[in-house]
């Protein structure tokens, strides 16, 4: 994923985070949209990126087990910084699947 000169990825083994969001699509609609379009090179607006920030915070709060789920915490923190950068800078997110 890239936005405003910054890049981030959803690494192998981290897809389960998006699957968790997809399992509760009503609570995490933007993360669900990312999961549904994961292999189709989707684009997301800065507004969608801002919504993903809030959805990731809630997902981490619900499933992070107080920081003991290190893989989840690590992935979410990386993604939070990226999506926040896109939202605050008004940058569209472009993605490329493997």
PDB file of N, CA and C in Angstrom:
ATOM      1  N   UNK A   1       0.861  -1.165   0.000  1.00  0.00           N
ATOM      2  CA  UNK A   1       0.000   0.000   0.000  1.00  0.00           C
ATOM      3  C   UNK A   1       0.904   1.222   0.000  1.00  0.00           C
ATOM      4  N   UNK A   2       0.452   2.272  -0.666  1.00  0.00           N
ATOM      5  CA  UNK A   2       1.204   3.517  -0.661  1.00  0.00           C
ATOM      6  C   UNK A   2       0.226   4.690  -0.582  1.00  0.00           C
ATOM      7  N   UNK A   3       0.720   5.744   0.069  1.00  0.00           N
ATOM      8  CA  UNK A   3      -0.076   6.973   0.209  1.00  0.00           C
ATOM      9  C   UNK A   3       0.860   8.110   0.584  1.00  0.00           C
ATOM     10  N   UNK A   4       0.863   9.140  -0.228  1.00  0.00           N
ATOM     11  CA  UNK A   4       1.647  10.326   0.104  1.00  0.00           C
ATOM     12  C   UNK A   4       3.121  10.058   0.334  1.00  0.00           C
ATOM     13  N   UNK A   5       3.702   9.172  -0.470  1.00  0.00           N
ATOM     14  CA  UNK A   5       5.120   8.880  -0.361  1.00  0.00           C
ATOM     15  C   UNK A   5       5.479   7.866   0.717  1.00  0.00           C
ATOM     16  N   UNK A   6       4.510   7.345   1.401  1.00  0.00           N
ATOM     17  CA  UNK A   6       4.751   6.353   2.457  1.00  0.00           C
ATOM     18  C   UNK A   6       4.227   5.000   2.001  1.00  0.00           C
ATOM     19  N   UNK A   7       4.916   3.940   2.397  1.00  0.00           N
ATOM     20  CA  UNK A   7       4.490   2.594   2.019  1.00  0.00           C
ATOM     21  C   UNK A   7       4.343   1.715   3.252  1.00  0.00           C
ATOM     22  N   UNK A   8       3.419   0.785   3.164  1.00  0.00           N
ATOM     23  CA  UNK A   8       3.184  -0.212   4.214  1.00  0.00           C
ATOM     24  C   UNK A   8       2.632  -1.448   3.544  1.00  0.00           C
ATOM     25  N   UNK A   9       2.724  -2.574   4.240  1.00  0.00           N
ATOM     26  CA  UNK A   9       2.215  -3.811   3.655  1.00  0.00           C
ATOM     27  C   UNK A   9       1.426  -4.607   4.684  1.00  0.00           C
ATOM     28  N   UNK A  10       0.603  -5.467   4.152  1.00  0.00           N
ATOM     29  CA  UNK A  10      -0.057  -6.487   4.958  1.00  0.00           C
ATOM     30  C   UNK A  10       0.742  -7.745   4.676  1.00  0.00           C
ATOM     31  N   UNK A  11       1.541  -8.122   5.633  1.00  0.00           N
ATOM     32  CA  UNK A  11       2.504  -9.199   5.437  1.00  0.00           C
ATOM     33  C   UNK A  11       1.842 -10.563   5.513  1.00  0.00           C
ATOM     34  N   UNK A  12       2.524 -11.547   4.932  1.00  0.00           N
ATOM     35  CA  UNK A  12       2.042 -12.920   5.016  1.00  0.00           C
ATOM     36  C   UNK A  12       1.878 -13.270   6.490  1.00  0.00           C
ATOM     37  N   UNK A  13       0.794 -13.884   6.806  1.00  0.00           N
ATOM     38  CA  UNK A  13       0.504 -14.243   8.187  1.00  0.00           C
ATOM     39  C   UNK A  13      -0.261 -13.171   8.942  1.00  0.00           C
ATOM     40  N   UNK A  14      -0.439 -12.004   8.355  1.00  0.00           N
ATOM     41  CA  UNK A  14      -1.199 -10.941   9.011  1.00  0.00           C
ATOM     42  C   UNK A  14      -2.619 -10.818   8.464  1.00  0.00           C
ATOM     43  N   UNK A  15      -2.932 -11.595   7.445  1.00  0.00           N
ATOM     44  CA  UNK A  15      -4.260 -11.519   6.853  1.00  0.00           C
ATOM     45  C   UNK A  15      -5.352 -11.866   7.856  1.00  0.00           C
ATOM     46  N   UNK A  16      -4.994 -12.646   8.885  1.00  0.00           N
ATOM     47  CA  UNK A  16      -5.995 -13.038   9.879  1.00  0.00           C
ATOM     48  C   UNK A  16      -6.608 -11.825  10.573  1.00  0.00           C
ATOM     49  N   UNK A  17      -5.869 -10.732  10.657  1.00  0.00           N
ATOM     50  CA  UNK A  17      -6.409  -9.520  11.275  1.00  0.00           C
ATOM     51  C   UNK A  17      -7.594  -9.010  10.453  1.00  0.00           C
ATOM     52  N   UNK A  18      -7.434  -8.993   9.148  1.00  0.00           N
ATOM     53  CA  UNK A  18      -8.533  -8.566   8.274  1.00  0.00           C
ATOM     54  C   UNK A  18      -9.676  -9.566   8.311  1.00  0.00           C
ATOM     55  N   UNK A  19      -9.348 -10.837   8.443  1.00  0.00           N
ATOM     56  CA  UNK A  19     -10.399 -11.855   8.549  1.00  0.00           C
ATOM     57  C   UNK A  19     -11.211 -11.651   9.827  1.00  0.00           C
ATOM     58  N   UNK A  20     -10.557 -11.288  10.921  1.00  0.00           N
ATOM     59  CA  UNK A  20     -11.280 -10.992  12.166  1.00  0.00           C
ATOM     60  C   UNK A  20     -12.261  -9.844  11.935  1.00  0.00           C
ATOM     61  N   UNK A  21     -11.817  -8.817  11.220  1.00  0.00           N
ATOM     62  CA  UNK A  21     -12.695  -7.690  10.923  1.00  0.00           C
ATOM     63  C   UNK A  21     -13.835  -8.120  10.012  1.00  0.00           C
ATOM     64  N   UNK A  22     -13.539  -8.973   9.047  1.00  0.00           N
ATOM     65  CA  UNK A  22     -14.575  -9.438   8.115  1.00  0.00           C
ATOM     66  C   UNK A  22     -15.631 -10.267   8.834  1.00  0.00           C
ATOM     67  N   UNK A  23     -15.239 -10.944   9.892  1.00  0.00           N
ATOM     68  CA  UNK A  23     -16.193 -11.742  10.658  1.00  0.00           C
ATOM     69  C   UNK A  23     -17.205 -10.878  11.405  1.00  0.00           C
ATOM     70  N   UNK A  24     -16.907  -9.586  11.526  1.00  0.00           N
ATOM     71  CA  UNK A  24     -17.819  -8.640  12.173  1.00  0.00           C
ATOM     72  C   UNK A  24     -17.930  -7.401  11.282  1.00  0.00           C
ATOM     73  N   UNK A  25     -18.390  -7.621  10.042  1.00  0.00           N
ATOM     74  CA  UNK A  25     -18.409  -6.580   9.015  1.00  0.00           C
ATOM     75  C   UNK A  25     -19.220  -5.347   9.407  1.00  0.00           C
ATOM     76  N   UNK A  26     -20.265  -5.527  10.194  1.00  0.00           N
ATOM     77  CA  UNK A  26     -21.072  -4.380  10.599  1.00  0.00           C
ATOM     78  C   UNK A  26     -20.284  -3.439  11.517  1.00  0.00           C
ATOM     79  N   UNK A  27     -19.401  -4.001  12.316  1.00  0.00           N
ATOM     80  CA  UNK A  27     -18.588  -3.199  13.240  1.00  0.00           C
ATOM     81  C   UNK A  27     -17.371  -2.587  12.541  1.00  0.00           C
ATOM     82  N   UNK A  28     -16.862  -3.279  11.519  1.00  0.00           N
ATOM     83  CA  UNK A  28     -15.636  -2.859  10.836  1.00  0.00           C
ATOM     84  C   UNK A  28     -15.852  -2.772   9.319  1.00  0.00           C
ATOM     85  N   UNK A  29     -16.715  -1.891   8.857  1.00  0.00           N
ATOM     86  CA  UNK A  29     -17.059  -1.890   7.430  1.00  0.00           C
ATOM     87  C   UNK A  29     -15.896  -1.548   6.495  1.00  0.00           C
ATOM     88  N   UNK A  30     -15.017  -0.635   6.877  1.00  0.00           N
ATOM     89  CA  UNK A  30     -13.913  -0.280   5.977  1.00  0.00           C
ATOM     90  C   UNK A  30     -12.842  -1.363   5.953  1.00  0.00           C
ATOM     91  N   UNK A  31     -12.560  -1.978   7.095  1.00  0.00           N
ATOM     92  CA  UNK A  31     -11.613  -3.093   7.110  1.00  0.00           C
ATOM     93  C   UNK A  31     -12.182  -4.286   6.357  1.00  0.00           C
ATOM     94  N   UNK A  32     -13.489  -4.456   6.463  1.00  0.00           N
ATOM     95  CA  UNK A  32     -14.150  -5.511   5.699  1.00  0.00           C
ATOM     96  C   UNK A  32     -14.007  -5.237   4.197  1.00  0.00           C
ATOM     97  N   UNK A  33     -14.182  -3.982   3.794  1.00  0.00           N
ATOM     98  CA  UNK A  33     -14.023  -3.617   2.381  1.00  0.00           C
ATOM     99  C   UNK A  33     -12.593  -3.885   1.910  1.00  0.00           C
ATOM    100  N   UNK A  34     -11.619  -3.582   2.755  1.00  0.00           N
ATOM    101  CA  UNK A  34     -10.226  -3.864   2.414  1.00  0.00           C
ATOM    102  C   UNK A  34     -10.018  -5.363   2.228  1.00  0.00           C
ATOM    103  N   UNK A  35     -10.579  -6.166   3.122  1.00  0.00           N
ATOM    104  CA  UNK A  35     -10.444  -7.618   3.021  1.00  0.00           C
ATOM    105  C   UNK A  35     -11.113  -8.147   1.747  1.00  0.00           C
ATOM    106  N   UNK A  36     -12.302  -7.655   1.451  1.00  0.00           N
ATOM    107  CA  UNK A  36     -13.038  -8.127   0.268  1.00  0.00           C
ATOM    108  C   UNK A  36     -12.304  -7.808  -1.026  1.00  0.00           C
ATOM    109  N   UNK A  37     -11.596  -6.697  -1.063  1.00  0.00           N
ATOM    110  CA  UNK A  37     -10.909  -6.263  -2.277  1.00  0.00           C
ATOM    111  C   UNK A  37      -9.398  -6.492  -2.202  1.00  0.00           C
ATOM    112  N   UNK A  38      -8.968  -7.264  -1.225  1.00  0.00           N
ATOM    113  CA  UNK A  38      -7.546  -7.439  -0.914  1.00  0.00           C
ATOM    114  C   UNK A  38      -6.704  -7.782  -2.141  1.00  0.00           C
ATOM    115  N   UNK A  39      -7.171  -8.662  -3.001  1.00  0.00           N
ATOM    116  CA  UNK A  39      -6.387  -9.100  -4.158  1.00  0.00           C
ATOM    117  C   UNK A  39      -6.740  -8.360  -5.443  1.00  0.00           C
ATOM    118  N   UNK A  40      -7.562  -7.327  -5.335  1.00  0.00           N
ATOM    119  CA  UNK A  40      -8.019  -6.592  -6.518  1.00  0.00           C
ATOM    120  C   UNK A  40      -7.417  -5.197  -6.637  1.00  0.00           C
ATOM    121  N   UNK A  41      -6.346  -4.929  -5.923  1.00  0.00           N
ATOM    122  CA  UNK A  41      -5.671  -3.632  -5.972  1.00  0.00           C
ATOM    123  C   UNK A  41      -6.621  -2.460  -5.719  1.00  0.00           C
ATOM    124  N   UNK A  42      -7.316  -2.472  -4.571  1.00  0.00           N
ATOM    125  CA  UNK A  42      -8.274  -1.391  -4.310  1.00  0.00           C
ATOM    126  C   UNK A  42      -7.586  -0.058  -4.019  1.00  0.00           C
ATOM    127  N   UNK A  43      -8.364   0.995  -4.096  1.00  0.00           N
ATOM    128  CA  UNK A  43      -7.949   2.348  -3.709  1.00  0.00           C
ATOM    129  C   UNK A  43      -8.919   2.807  -2.619  1.00  0.00           C
ATOM    130  N   UNK A  44      -8.380   3.584  -1.683  1.00  0.00           N
ATOM    131  CA  UNK A  44      -9.212   4.083  -0.590  1.00  0.00           C
ATOM    132  C   UNK A  44      -8.974   5.572  -0.407  1.00  0.00           C
ATOM    133  N   UNK A  45     -10.042   6.271  -0.113  1.00  0.00           N
ATOM    134  CA  UNK A  45      -9.984   7.721   0.086  1.00  0.00           C
ATOM    135  C   UNK A  45      -9.386   8.034   1.460  1.00  0.00           C
ATOM    136  N   UNK A  46      -8.968   9.281   1.648  1.00  0.00           N
ATOM    137  CA  UNK A  46      -8.498   9.693   2.972  1.00  0.00           C
ATOM    138  C   UNK A  46      -9.573   9.505   4.049  1.00  0.00           C
ATOM    139  N   UNK A  47     -10.830   9.708   3.694  1.00  0.00           N
ATOM    140  CA  UNK A  47     -11.919   9.518   4.655  1.00  0.00           C
ATOM    141  C   UNK A  47     -12.041   8.051   5.063  1.00  0.00           C
ATOM    142  N   UNK A  48     -11.890   7.160   4.101  1.00  0.00           N
ATOM    143  CA  UNK A  48     -11.925   5.733   4.418  1.00  0.00           C
ATOM    144  C   UNK A  48     -10.726   5.357   5.293  1.00  0.00           C
ATOM    145  N   UNK A  49      -9.577   5.942   5.005  1.00  0.00           N
ATOM    146  CA  UNK A  49      -8.394   5.683   5.822  1.00  0.00           C
ATOM    147  C   UNK A  49      -8.633   6.125   7.265  1.00  0.00           C
ATOM    148  N   UNK A  50      -9.278   7.274   7.443  1.00  0.00           N
ATOM    149  CA  UNK A  50      -9.595   7.747   8.791  1.00  0.00           C
ATOM    150  C   UNK A  50     -10.531   6.797   9.517  1.00  0.00           C
ATOM    151  N   UNK A  51     -11.506   6.277   8.792  1.00  0.00           N
ATOM    152  CA  UNK A  51     -12.423   5.304   9.401  1.00  0.00           C
ATOM    153  C   UNK A  51     -11.677   4.033   9.775  1.00  0.00           C
ATOM    154  N   UNK A  52     -10.711   3.614   8.946  1.00  0.00           N
ATOM    155  CA  UNK A  52      -9.927   2.416   9.259  1.00  0.00           C
ATOM    156  C   UNK A  52      -9.112   2.603  10.532  1.00  0.00           C
ATOM    157  N   UNK A  53      -8.620   3.815  10.764  1.00  0.00           N
ATOM    158  CA  UNK A  53      -7.883   4.091  11.999  1.00  0.00           C
ATOM    159  C   UNK A  53      -8.754   3.761  13.204  1.00  0.00           C
ATOM    160  N   UNK A  54      -9.977   4.276  13.200  1.00  0.00           N
ATOM    161  CA  UNK A  54     -10.878   4.038  14.338  1.00  0.00           C
ATOM    162  C   UNK A  54     -11.278   2.568  14.452  1.00  0.00           C
ATOM    163  N   UNK A  55     -11.484   1.925  13.318  1.00  0.00           N
ATOM    164  CA  UNK A  55     -11.838   0.507  13.343  1.00  0.00           C
ATOM    165  C   UNK A  55     -10.678  -0.334  13.872  1.00  0.00           C
ATOM    166  N   UNK A  56      -9.456   0.003  13.494  1.00  0.00           N
ATOM    167  CA  UNK A  56      -8.299  -0.737  13.996  1.00  0.00           C
ATOM    168  C   UNK A  56      -8.122  -0.555  15.498  1.00  0.00           C
ATOM    169  N   UNK A  57      -8.368   0.655  15.990  1.00  0.00           N
ATOM    170  CA  UNK A  57      -8.274   0.894  17.434  1.00  0.00           C
ATOM    171  C   UNK A  57      -9.275   0.012  18.167  1.00  0.00           C
ATOM    172  N   UNK A  58     -10.488  -0.028  17.682  1.00  0.00           N
ATOM    173  CA  UNK A  58     -11.507  -0.855  18.330  1.00  0.00           C
ATOM    174  C   UNK A  58     -11.168  -2.338  18.221  1.00  0.00           C
ATOM    175  N   UNK A  59     -10.703  -2.764  17.064  1.00  0.00           N
ATOM    176  CA  UNK A  59     -10.344  -4.168  16.886  1.00  0.00           C
ATOM    177  C   UNK A  59      -9.230  -4.563  17.860  1.00  0.00           C
ATOM    178  N   UNK A  60      -8.236  -3.718  18.009  1.00  0.00           N
ATOM    179  CA  UNK A  60      -7.145  -4.007  18.938  1.00  0.00           C
ATOM    180  C   UNK A  60      -7.647  -4.031  20.375  1.00  0.00           C
ATOM    181  N   UNK A  61      -8.537  -3.119  20.705  1.00  0.00           N
ATOM    182  CA  UNK A  61      -9.103  -3.087  22.049  1.00  0.00           C
ATOM    183  C   UNK A  61      -9.883  -4.365  22.347  1.00  0.00           C
ATOM    184  N   UNK A  62     -10.641  -4.844  21.372  1.00  0.00           N
ATOM    185  CA  UNK A  62     -11.468  -6.036  21.570  1.00  0.00           C
ATOM    186  C   UNK A  62     -10.680  -7.342  21.539  1.00  0.00           C
ATOM    187  N   UNK A  63      -9.638  -7.403  20.716  1.00  0.00           N
ATOM    188  CA  UNK A  63      -8.965  -8.680  20.466  1.00  0.00           C
ATOM    189  C   UNK A  63      -7.493  -8.709  20.869  1.00  0.00           C
ATOM    190  N   UNK A  64      -6.963  -7.584  21.317  1.00  0.00           N
ATOM    191  CA  UNK A  64      -5.538  -7.507  21.622  1.00  0.00           C
ATOM    192  C   UNK A  64      -5.133  -8.085  22.953  1.00  0.00           C
ATOM    193  N   UNK A  65      -6.111  -8.444  23.764  1.00  0.00           N
ATOM    194  CA  UNK A  65      -5.837  -9.091  25.048  1.00  0.00           C
ATOM    195  C   UNK A  65      -4.838  -8.276  25.876  1.00  0.00           C
ATOM    196  N   UNK A  66      -5.089  -6.971  25.963  1.00  0.00           N
ATOM    197  CA  UNK A  66      -4.237  -6.102  26.768  1.00  0.00           C
ATOM    198  C   UNK A  66      -2.799  -6.024  26.289  1.00  0.00           C
ATOM    199  N   UNK A  67      -2.570  -6.178  24.993  1.00  0.00           N
ATOM    200  CA  UNK A  67      -1.222  -6.112  24.435  1.00  0.00           C
ATOM    201  C   UNK A  67      -0.510  -7.450  24.398  1.00  0.00           C
ATOM    202  N   UNK A  68      -1.148  -8.490  24.900  1.00  0.00           N
ATOM    203  CA  UNK A  68      -0.506  -9.805  24.926  1.00  0.00           C
ATOM    204  C   UNK A  68      -0.548 -10.519  23.581  1.00  0.00           C
ATOM    205  N   UNK A  69      -1.391 -10.063  22.685  1.00  0.00           N
ATOM    206  CA  UNK A  69      -1.425 -10.615  21.332  1.00  0.00           C
ATOM    207  C   UNK A  69      -0.429  -9.818  20.490  1.00  0.00           C
ATOM    208  N   UNK A  70       0.831 -10.170  20.610  1.00  0.00           N
ATOM    209  CA  UNK A  70       1.908  -9.359  20.021  1.00  0.00           C
ATOM    210  C   UNK A  70       1.830  -9.240  18.505  1.00  0.00           C
ATOM    211  N   UNK A  71       1.502 -10.309  17.813  1.00  0.00           N
ATOM    212  CA  UNK A  71       1.407 -10.242  16.358  1.00  0.00           C
ATOM    213  C   UNK A  71       0.323  -9.279  15.913  1.00  0.00           C
ATOM    214  N   UNK A  72      -0.823  -9.369  16.559  1.00  0.00           N
ATOM    215  CA  UNK A  72      -1.934  -8.463  16.263  1.00  0.00           C
ATOM    216  C   UNK A  72      -1.544  -7.026  16.582  1.00  0.00           C
ATOM    217  N   UNK A  73      -0.967  -6.825  17.752  1.00  0.00           N
ATOM    218  CA  UNK A  73      -0.584  -5.476  18.180  1.00  0.00           C
ATOM    219  C   UNK A  73       0.433  -4.870  17.219  1.00  0.00           C
ATOM    220  N   UNK A  74       1.433  -5.643  16.852  1.00  0.00           N
ATOM    221  CA  UNK A  74       2.466  -5.145  15.952  1.00  0.00           C
ATOM    222  C   UNK A  74       1.880  -4.741  14.595  1.00  0.00           C
ATOM    223  N   UNK A  75       1.060  -5.600  14.018  1.00  0.00           N
ATOM    224  CA  UNK A  75       0.457  -5.296  12.715  1.00  0.00           C
ATOM    225  C   UNK A  75      -0.433  -4.061  12.805  1.00  0.00           C
ATOM    226  N   UNK A  76      -1.292  -4.022  13.815  1.00  0.00           N
ATOM    227  CA  UNK A  76      -2.237  -2.905  13.939  1.00  0.00           C
ATOM    228  C   UNK A  76      -1.497  -1.588  14.148  1.00  0.00           C
ATOM    229  N   UNK A  77      -0.462  -1.576  14.957  1.00  0.00           N
ATOM    230  CA  UNK A  77       0.278  -0.327  15.174  1.00  0.00           C
ATOM    231  C   UNK A  77       0.930   0.173  13.890  1.00  0.00           C
ATOM    232  N   UNK A  78       1.492  -0.729  13.105  1.00  0.00           N
ATOM    233  CA  UNK A  78       2.064  -0.314  11.811  1.00  0.00           C
ATOM    234  C   UNK A  78       0.985   0.271  10.906  1.00  0.00           C
ATOM    235  N   UNK A  79      -0.141  -0.433  10.823  1.00  0.00           N
ATOM    236  CA  UNK A  79      -1.221   0.009   9.943  1.00  0.00           C
ATOM    237  C   UNK A  79      -1.840   1.310  10.437  1.00  0.00           C
ATOM    238  N   UNK A  80      -1.934   1.475  11.749  1.00  0.00           N
ATOM    239  CA  UNK A  80      -2.480   2.728  12.290  1.00  0.00           C
ATOM    240  C   UNK A  80      -1.655   3.919  11.822  1.00  0.00           C
ATOM    241  N   UNK A  81      -0.355   3.810  11.916  1.00  0.00           N
ATOM    242  CA  UNK A  81       0.507   4.912  11.488  1.00  0.00           C
ATOM    243  C   UNK A  81       0.308   5.217  10.003  1.00  0.00           C
ATOM    244  N   UNK A  82       0.205   4.173   9.195  1.00  0.00           N
ATOM    245  CA  UNK A  82       0.029   4.361   7.751  1.00  0.00           C
ATOM    246  C   UNK A  82      -1.324   4.990   7.431  1.00  0.00           C
ATOM    247  N   UNK A  83      -2.396   4.416   7.950  1.00  0.00           N
ATOM    248  CA  UNK A  83      -3.727   4.945   7.644  1.00  0.00           C
ATOM    249  C   UNK A  83      -3.917   6.351   8.205  1.00  0.00           C
ATOM    250  N   UNK A  84      -3.340   6.618   9.363  1.00  0.00           N
ATOM    251  CA  UNK A  84      -3.411   7.965   9.928  1.00  0.00           C
ATOM    252  C   UNK A  84      -2.691   8.966   9.024  1.00  0.00           C
ATOM    253  N   UNK A  85      -1.526   8.587   8.521  1.00  0.00           N
ATOM    254  CA  UNK A  85      -0.781   9.444   7.589  1.00  0.00           C
ATOM    255  C   UNK A  85      -1.638   9.773   6.368  1.00  0.00           C
ATOM    256  N   UNK A  86      -2.295   8.766   5.819  1.00  0.00           N
ATOM    257  CA  UNK A  86      -3.138   8.981   4.637  1.00  0.00           C
ATOM    258  C   UNK A  86      -4.317   9.893   4.966  1.00  0.00           C
ATOM    259  N   UNK A  87      -4.965   9.636   6.088  1.00  0.00           N
ATOM    260  CA  UNK A  87      -6.147  10.419   6.462  1.00  0.00           C
ATOM    261  C   UNK A  87      -5.780  11.872   6.761  1.00  0.00           C
ATOM    262  N   UNK A  88      -4.762  12.066   7.558  1.00  0.00           N
ATOM    263  CA  UNK A  88      -4.386  13.427   7.971  1.00  0.00           C
ATOM    264  C   UNK A  88      -3.793  14.230   6.823  1.00  0.00           C
ATOM    265  N   UNK A  89      -3.112  13.543   5.901  1.00  0.00           N
ATOM    266  CA  UNK A  89      -2.497  14.245   4.780  1.00  0.00           C
ATOM    267  C   UNK A  89      -3.399  14.389   3.572  1.00  0.00           C
ATOM    268  N   UNK A  90      -4.590  13.773   3.634  1.00  0.00           N
ATOM    269  CA  UNK A  90      -5.507  13.841   2.508  1.00  0.00           C
ATOM    270  C   UNK A  90      -5.035  13.022   1.311  1.00  0.00           C
ATOM    271  N   UNK A  91      -4.342  11.909   1.584  1.00  0.00           N
ATOM    272  CA  UNK A  91      -3.767  11.086   0.516  1.00  0.00           C
ATOM    273  C   UNK A  91      -4.644   9.878   0.216  1.00  0.00           C
ATOM    274  N   UNK A  92      -4.864   9.615  -1.051  1.00  0.00           N
ATOM    275  CA  UNK A  92      -5.536   8.398  -1.463  1.00  0.00           C
ATOM    276  C   UNK A  92      -4.568   7.225  -1.287  1.00  0.00           C
ATOM    277  N   UNK A  93      -5.103   6.097  -0.859  1.00  0.00           N
ATOM    278  CA  UNK A  93      -4.304   4.895  -0.699  1.00  0.00           C
ATOM    279  C   UNK A  93      -4.414   4.057  -1.962  1.00  0.00           C
ATOM    280  N   UNK A  94      -3.263   3.699  -2.503  1.00  0.00           N
ATOM    281  CA  UNK A  94      -3.194   2.794  -3.646  1.00  0.00           C
ATOM    282  C   UNK A  94      -2.605   1.483  -3.142  1.00  0.00           C
ATOM    283  N   UNK A  95      -3.122   0.379  -3.658  1.00  0.00           N
ATOM    284  CA  UNK A  95      -2.619  -0.922  -3.227  1.00  0.00           C
ATOM    285  C   UNK A  95      -2.201  -1.755  -4.422  1.00  0.00           C
ATOM    286  N   UNK A  96      -1.315  -2.694  -4.161  1.00  0.00           N
ATOM    287  CA  UNK A  96      -0.875  -3.672  -5.147  1.00  0.00           C
ATOM    288  C   UNK A  96      -0.854  -5.017  -4.446  1.00  0.00           C
ATOM    289  N   UNK A  97      -1.528  -5.997  -4.989  1.00  0.00           N
ATOM    290  CA  UNK A  97      -1.443  -7.336  -4.409  1.00  0.00           C
ATOM    291  C   UNK A  97      -0.201  -8.022  -4.953  1.00  0.00           C
ATOM    292  N   UNK A  98       0.166  -9.109  -4.282  1.00  0.00           N
ATOM    293  CA  UNK A  98       1.369  -9.845  -4.684  1.00  0.00           C
ATOM    294  C   UNK A  98       1.308 -10.316  -6.103  1.00  0.00           C
TER     295      UNK A  98
END
